Structure formats: structure tokens, C-alpha cells
C-alpha atoms as a PDB file:
ATOM      1  CA  LEU A   1      70.387  45.328  20.729  1.00  0.00           C
ATOM      2  CA  GLU A   2      68.867  41.845  21.097  1.00  0.00           C
ATOM      3  CA  ALA A   3      70.341  40.164  18.077  1.00  0.00           C
ATOM      4  CA  PHE A   4      71.459  40.614  14.453  1.00  0.00           C
ATOM      5  CA  ILE A   5      70.818  38.850  11.183  1.00  0.00           C
ATOM      6  CA  PRO A   6      73.886  37.177   9.776  1.00  0.00           C
ATOM      7  CA  GLN A   7      74.864  37.887   6.187  1.00  0.00           C
ATOM      8  CA  PRO A   8      74.380  35.004   3.782  1.00  0.00           C
ATOM      9  CA  THR A   9      77.535  32.942   3.243  1.00  0.00           C
ATOM     10  CA  ASN A  10      77.344  33.020  -0.534  1.00  0.00           C
ATOM     11  CA  ALA A  11      76.478  36.657  -1.293  1.00  0.00           C
ATOM     12  CA  ARG A  12      77.181  40.217  -0.183  1.00  0.00           C
ATOM     13  CA  VAL A  13      73.733  41.790   0.309  1.00  0.00           C
ATOM     14  CA  PHE A  14      72.790  45.053   1.955  1.00  0.00           C
ATOM     15  CA  LEU A  15      69.901  43.966   4.200  1.00  0.00           C
ATOM     16  CA  HIS A  16      67.606  46.675   5.598  1.00  0.00           C
ATOM     17  CA  GLU A  17      64.003  47.742   6.313  1.00  0.00           C
ATOM     18  CA  GLY A  18      62.351  44.470   7.137  1.00  0.00           C
ATOM     19  CA  ASN A  19      58.954  43.431   8.414  1.00  0.00           C
ATOM     20  CA  ILE A  20      58.514  40.705  11.036  1.00  0.00           C
ATOM     21  CA  ALA A  21      55.551  38.353  11.122  1.00  0.00           C
ATOM     22  CA  PRO A  22      54.846  34.907  12.572  1.00  0.00           C
ATOM     23  CA  GLY A  23      56.479  32.287  10.359  1.00  0.00           C
ATOM     24  CA  ASP A  24      55.213  28.973   9.050  1.00  0.00           C
ATOM     25  CA  ALA A  25      55.942  26.900  12.153  1.00  0.00           C
ATOM     26  CA  PRO A  26      54.522  27.479  15.641  1.00  0.00           C
ATOM     27  CA  GLY A  27      56.690  29.927  17.620  1.00  0.00           C
ATOM     28  CA  GLU A  28      58.644  30.959  14.544  1.00  0.00           C
ATOM     29  CA  LEU A  29      59.317  34.571  13.533  1.00  0.00           C
ATOM     30  CA  LYS A  30      60.179  35.521   9.976  1.00  0.00           C
ATOM     31  CA  ILE A  31      61.583  38.796   8.685  1.00  0.00           C
ATOM     32  CA  VAL A  32      61.525  39.726   5.023  1.00  0.00           C
ATOM     33  CA  MET A  33      63.908  42.521   4.090  1.00  0.00           C
ATOM     34  CA  ARG A  34      64.616  45.092   1.481  1.00  0.00           C
ATOM     35  CA  THR A  35      67.908  44.503  -0.260  1.00  0.00           C
ATOM     36  CA  ALA A  36      70.570  46.225  -2.308  1.00  0.00           C
ATOM     37  CA  ASN A  37      74.006  45.349  -3.637  1.00  0.00           C
ATOM     38  CA  TYR A  38      76.334  45.413  -0.617  1.00  0.00           C
ATOM     39  CA  ASP A  39      79.316  46.972  -2.421  1.00  0.00           C
ATOM     40  CA  LYS A  40      77.344  49.427  -4.544  1.00  0.00           C
ATOM     41  CA  ASP A  41      74.113  50.185  -2.655  1.00  0.00           C
ATOM     42  CA  GLU A  42      72.757  52.198  -5.553  1.00  0.00           C
ATOM     43  CA  LEU A  43      72.358  48.880  -7.398  1.00  0.00           C
ATOM     44  CA  THR A  44      69.818  46.121  -6.831  1.00  0.00           C
ATOM     45  CA  THR A  45      70.755  42.555  -6.141  1.00  0.00           C
ATOM     46  CA  ASP A  46      71.026  40.418  -9.254  1.00  0.00           C
ATOM     47  CA  PRO A  47      68.331  39.211  -9.645  1.00  0.00           C
ATOM     48  CA  PRO A  48      66.348  41.771  -7.615  1.00  0.00           C
ATOM     49  CA  ARG A  49      65.104  39.707  -4.635  1.00  0.00           C
ATOM     50  CA  ALA A  50      63.992  40.139  -1.052  1.00  0.00           C
ATOM     51  CA  TYR A  51      65.899  38.197   1.595  1.00  0.00           C
ATOM     52  CA  SER A  52      64.509  36.611   4.719  1.00  0.00           C
ATOM     53  CA  SER A  53      65.671  35.210   8.059  1.00  0.00           C
ATOM     54  CA  ILE A  54      63.981  32.949  10.656  1.00  0.00           C
ATOM     55  CA  SER A  55      64.095  33.023  14.470  1.00  0.00           C
ATOM     56  CA  ARG A  56      62.851  30.109  16.523  1.00  0.00           C
ATOM     57  CA  ASP A  57      63.638  31.646  19.919  1.00  0.00           C
ATOM     58  CA  GLY A  58      61.594  34.842  19.981  1.00  0.00           C
ATOM     59  CA  GLY A  59      64.179  36.948  18.135  1.00  0.00           C
ATOM     60  CA  HIS A  60      67.194  36.172  20.320  1.00  0.00           C
ATOM     61  CA  THR A  61      69.002  34.533  17.346  1.00  0.00           C
ATOM     62  CA  TRP A  62      68.333  34.560  13.591  1.00  0.00           C
ATOM     63  CA  SER A  63      69.305  32.326  10.684  1.00  0.00           C
ATOM     64  CA  ALA A  64      71.664  33.647   8.010  1.00  0.00           C
ATOM     65  CA  ALA A  65      69.715  35.727   5.498  1.00  0.00           C
ATOM     66  CA  GLN A  66      68.683  33.901   2.359  1.00  0.00           C
ATOM     67  CA  PRO A  67      67.072  34.988  -0.880  1.00  0.00           C
ATOM     68  CA  GLU A  68      63.335  34.647  -1.413  1.00  0.00           C
ATOM     69  CA  PRO A  69      63.229  33.612  -5.096  1.00  0.00           C
ATOM     70  CA  GLU A  70      59.520  34.372  -5.447  1.00  0.00           C
ATOM     71  CA  LEU A  71      59.674  37.846  -3.856  1.00  0.00           C
ATOM     72  CA  HIS A  72      60.847  40.766  -6.069  1.00  0.00           C
ATOM     73  CA  ASN A  73      62.678  43.628  -4.437  1.00  0.00           C
ATOM     74  CA  ALA A  74      64.393  46.426  -6.327  1.00  0.00           C
ATOM     75  CA  LYS A  75      65.840  48.462  -3.467  1.00  0.00           C
ATOM     76  CA  SER A  76      62.428  49.314  -2.072  1.00  0.00           C
ATOM     77  CA  LYS A  77      60.790  48.814   1.296  1.00  0.00           C
ATOM     78  CA  SER A  78      57.985  46.311   1.064  1.00  0.00           C
ATOM     79  CA  PHE A  79      55.404  44.965   3.497  1.00  0.00           C
ATOM     80  CA  PHE A  80      55.445  41.391   4.799  1.00  0.00           C
ATOM     81  CA  GLY A  81      52.810  40.144   7.201  1.00  0.00           C
ATOM     82  CA  ARG A  82      50.442  37.320   8.129  1.00  0.00           C
ATOM     83  CA  ALA A  83      46.687  37.453   8.033  1.00  0.00           C
ATOM     84  CA  ALA A  84      44.470  35.985  10.765  1.00  0.00           C
ATOM     85  CA  ASP A  85      43.990  32.781   8.746  1.00  0.00           C
ATOM     86  CA  GLY A  86      47.726  32.247   8.498  1.00  0.00           C
ATOM     87  CA  THR A  87      48.102  33.568   4.906  1.00  0.00           C
ATOM     88  CA  HIS A  88      51.313  35.521   4.370  1.00  0.00           C
ATOM     89  CA  ILE A  89      51.132  38.647   2.290  1.00  0.00           C
ATOM     90  CA  TYR A  90      53.931  40.540   0.555  1.00  0.00           C
ATOM     91  CA  VAL A  91      53.217  44.025  -0.936  1.00  0.00           C
ATOM     92  CA  TYR A  92      56.037  45.499  -3.024  1.00  0.00           C
ATOM     93  CA  ASN A  93      57.046  47.851  -5.819  1.00  0.00           C
ATOM     94  CA  ASP A  94      57.355  46.392  -9.300  1.00  0.00           C
ATOM     95  CA  GLY A  95      59.930  47.193 -11.916  1.00  0.00           C
ATOM     96  CA  PRO A  96      63.483  48.485 -11.575  1.00  0.00           C
ATOM     97  CA  ALA A  97      64.849  50.641  -8.748  1.00  0.00           C
ATOM     98  CA  GLN A  98      63.216  54.031  -8.370  1.00  0.00           C
ATOM     99  CA  ARG A  99      65.564  56.056 -10.520  1.00  0.00           C
ATOM    100  CA  ASP A 100      66.419  53.338 -13.063  1.00  0.00           C
ATOM    101  CA  LYS A 101      64.700  53.739 -16.385  1.00  0.00           C
ATOM    102  CA  ALA A 102      63.920  50.548 -18.273  1.00  0.00           C
ATOM    103  CA  PRO A 103      61.621  49.414 -21.064  1.00  0.00           C
ATOM    104  CA  GLY A 104      58.089  49.834 -19.815  1.00  0.00           C
ATOM    105  CA  PHE A 105      59.274  52.153 -17.018  1.00  0.00           C
ATOM    106  CA  PRO A 106      60.063  55.528 -18.609  1.00  0.00           C
ATOM    107  CA  HIS A 107      59.944  57.322 -15.250  1.00  0.00           C
ATOM    108  CA  GLY A 108      61.919  54.679 -13.351  1.00  0.00           C
ATOM    109  CA  GLY A 109      60.518  52.130 -10.879  1.00  0.00           C
ATOM    110  CA  ARG A 110      58.200  52.209  -7.900  1.00  0.00           C
ATOM    111  CA  THR A 111      55.219  53.175 -10.001  1.00  0.00           C
ATOM    112  CA  SER A 112      52.947  50.342  -8.873  1.00  0.00           C
ATOM    113  CA  LEU A 113      52.225  48.358  -5.763  1.00  0.00           C
ATOM    114  CA  ARG A 114      51.934  44.651  -6.400  1.00  0.00           C
ATOM    115  CA  TYR A 115      51.290  41.797  -3.997  1.00  0.00           C
ATOM    116  CA  LYS A 116      51.557  38.045  -3.517  1.00  0.00           C
ATOM    117  CA  THR A 117      49.947  35.764  -1.002  1.00  0.00           C
ATOM    118  CA  LYS A 118      50.990  32.384   0.401  1.00  0.00           C
ATOM    119  CA  PRO A 119      48.445  30.180   2.228  1.00  0.00           C
ATOM    120  CA  PRO A 120      49.700  28.111   5.157  1.00  0.00           C
ATOM    121  CA  GLY A 121      51.864  25.261   3.799  1.00  0.00           C
ATOM    122  CA  GLY A 122      51.389  26.535   0.227  1.00  0.00           C
ATOM    123  CA  ALA A 123      53.360  28.450  -2.408  1.00  0.00           C
ATOM    124  CA  TRP A 124      53.413  32.142  -3.284  1.00  0.00           C
ATOM    125  CA  SER A 125      50.664  33.223  -5.649  1.00  0.00           C
ATOM    126  CA  ALA A 126      51.178  34.926  -8.976  1.00  0.00           C
ATOM    127  CA  GLU A 127      51.730  38.677  -8.841  1.00  0.00           C
ATOM    128  CA  LYS A 128      48.552  40.719  -8.394  1.00  0.00           C
ATOM    129  CA  THR A 129      48.108  44.480  -8.659  1.00  0.00           C
ATOM    130  CA  PHE A 130      47.092  46.448  -5.585  1.00  0.00           C
ATOM    131  CA  PHE A 131      47.603  50.029  -6.933  1.00  0.00           C
ATOM    132  CA  ASP A 132      48.769  51.307 -10.294  1.00  0.00           C
ATOM    133  CA  ALA A 133      48.180  54.890 -11.350  1.00  0.00           C
ATOM    134  CA  GLY A 134      51.376  55.590 -13.273  1.00  0.00           C
ATOM    135  CA  ILE A 135      52.809  57.627 -10.400  1.00  0.00           C
ATOM    136  CA  LYS A 136      55.593  57.012  -7.873  1.00  0.00           C
ATOM    137  CA  ASN A 137      54.519  54.875  -4.861  1.00  0.00           C
ATOM    138  CA  SER A 138      56.565  53.381  -2.036  1.00  0.00           C
ATOM    139  CA  TYR A 139      56.792  52.292   1.599  1.00  0.00           C
ATOM    140  CA  PRO A 140      53.505  50.363   1.956  1.00  0.00           C
ATOM    141  CA  THR A 141      52.290  49.520   5.477  1.00  0.00           C
ATOM    142  CA  LEU A 142      49.196  47.390   6.040  1.00  0.00           C
ATOM    143  CA  LEU A 143      47.004  46.531   9.016  1.00  0.00           C
ATOM    144  CA  GLU A 144      44.415  43.752   9.062  1.00  0.00           C
ATOM    145  CA  VAL A 145      41.147  45.202  10.408  1.00  0.00           C
ATOM    146  CA  ALA A 146      39.047  42.032   9.894  1.00  0.00           C
ATOM    147  CA  PRO A 147      40.035  38.576   8.593  1.00  0.00           C
ATOM    148  CA  GLY A 148      41.592  39.133   5.176  1.00  0.00           C
ATOM    149  CA  ASP A 149      40.551  42.781   5.139  1.00  0.00           C
ATOM    150  CA  PHE A 150      43.521  45.197   5.220  1.00  0.00           C
ATOM    151  CA  ARG A 151      43.953  48.957   5.320  1.00  0.00           C
ATOM    152  CA  ALA A 152      47.091  50.329   3.664  1.00  0.00           C
ATOM    153  CA  VAL A 153      49.031  53.545   3.761  1.00  0.00           C
ATOM    154  CA  TRP A 154      51.943  54.436   1.495  1.00  0.00           C
ATOM    155  CA  ASP A 155      53.651  57.489   0.041  1.00  0.00           C
ATOM    156  CA  SER A 156      52.843  58.631  -3.457  1.00  0.00           C
ATOM    157  CA  GLY A 157      53.967  61.346  -5.859  1.00  0.00           C
ATOM    158  CA  THR A 158      53.745  62.188  -9.503  1.00  0.00           C
ATOM    159  CA  ALA A 159      55.134  60.254 -12.462  1.00  0.00           C
ATOM    160  CA  ASP A 160      58.469  62.117 -12.019  1.00  0.00           C
ATOM    161  CA  THR A 161      58.592  63.082  -8.311  1.00  0.00           C
ATOM    162  CA  ALA A 162      58.381  60.686  -5.387  1.00  0.00           C
ATOM    163  CA  ARG A 163      56.832  61.332  -1.997  1.00  0.00           C
ATOM    164  CA  THR A 164      54.608  64.323  -2.408  1.00  0.00           C
ATOM    165  CA  PHE A 165      51.551  62.979  -0.582  1.00  0.00           C
ATOM    166  CA  ILE A 166      50.285  60.044   1.501  1.00  0.00           C
ATOM    167  CA  SER A 167      47.765  57.555   0.028  1.00  0.00           C
ATOM    168  CA  PHE A 168      45.350  55.250   1.811  1.00  0.00           C
ATOM    169  CA  GLY A 169      43.661  52.171   0.444  1.00  0.00           C
ATOM    170  CA  LYS A 170      41.826  48.910   1.144  1.00  0.00           C
ATOM    171  CA  LEU A 171      42.974  45.446   0.159  1.00  0.00           C
ATOM    172  CA  LYS A 172      40.727  42.485   0.653  1.00  0.00           C
ATOM    173  CA  LEU A 173      42.229  39.044   0.180  1.00  0.00           C
ATOM    174  CA  LYS A 174      39.852  36.700  -1.571  1.00  0.00           C
ATOM    175  CA  PRO A 175      39.529  33.226  -0.113  1.00  0.00           C
END
């Protein structure tokens, strides 16, 4: 064990399943993590948000976790990375937690993969759709194969059953 990420001082959040990428400053690492309610991990945070932490010493120490107000997370692993041009990308599931039914989500959440981008020194973009077929989708992982050109893999299912097959896709960030 090299280090750990301290809990935020003003909230009890179950932090898990993060992705590490270079941060905004030279030599900085940033991790963006999946979250849940610490005391009742079947519940999302309120509001449902990803949390992040920063290391400025190669991962030996990390800042206390803090909410990412622009990054939705409803108890679902997302992808956080940085493209060759310095643009950060966040790919995540929309809606409520997987088993929670809500208006517009009759089969629960995790039915679509959405994404946001943040140019160097800029703000997060509006939500964009990467994949939406009315079926369960989760655990996206991406790899940049050329500048702004990503390949993705995630697990998919049916409208009612998660994780019955693996999906592959392409995501090209527009300049």
C-alpha cells in the first residue's frame, strides 16, 4: 500500500473504483471515484456525485476527497481519463442507481452511457450521449488510439438484466 485517500471532512462517502489520470497542473495526478452513501451503501450520495482527489507527489499522498459538482455518479463505475491534447473525459451512467426505478427509468438506471469533456483550463461540457439502446450498460473503459479517438469496452445486458455480454465502441472527441 502506497497511500490512501482521506475521507472528506464534511461528508461520509463510500469512495471506490476510481480512475487515475494526469491532472490539470504539471506533475499532478487526479483520481475520480465512484461513490455511495457511506452508512447505507445501497443508496447514492445526495446529490449523486463523483468525488475526486489530487496527488502532487506521484501518488505518495492524496488530498481529502471532494465532490465533483459537474460529474454525475449514481453508484456506478465510470471512466475518467485525459486525451493527448490535455482534454479530460468522463464517461458515466445516467439516471438513478441500477435497481432504482424513477420517472423516465422504468427498468432502473445504467441504461445509457453519457460523457463530458473538459479542455485544459476550461469547464466541463454539457452532457453528451455515447451509447443509448434502452438496455443495461456499465463499467466503461476507454483507450485513446489516436489523438481524440477512443476505443471503449463496457458490459451490457437487456432492459431488465445487467451484464449478459460485452460491448465495444468508438468515441471520437470533436475539436
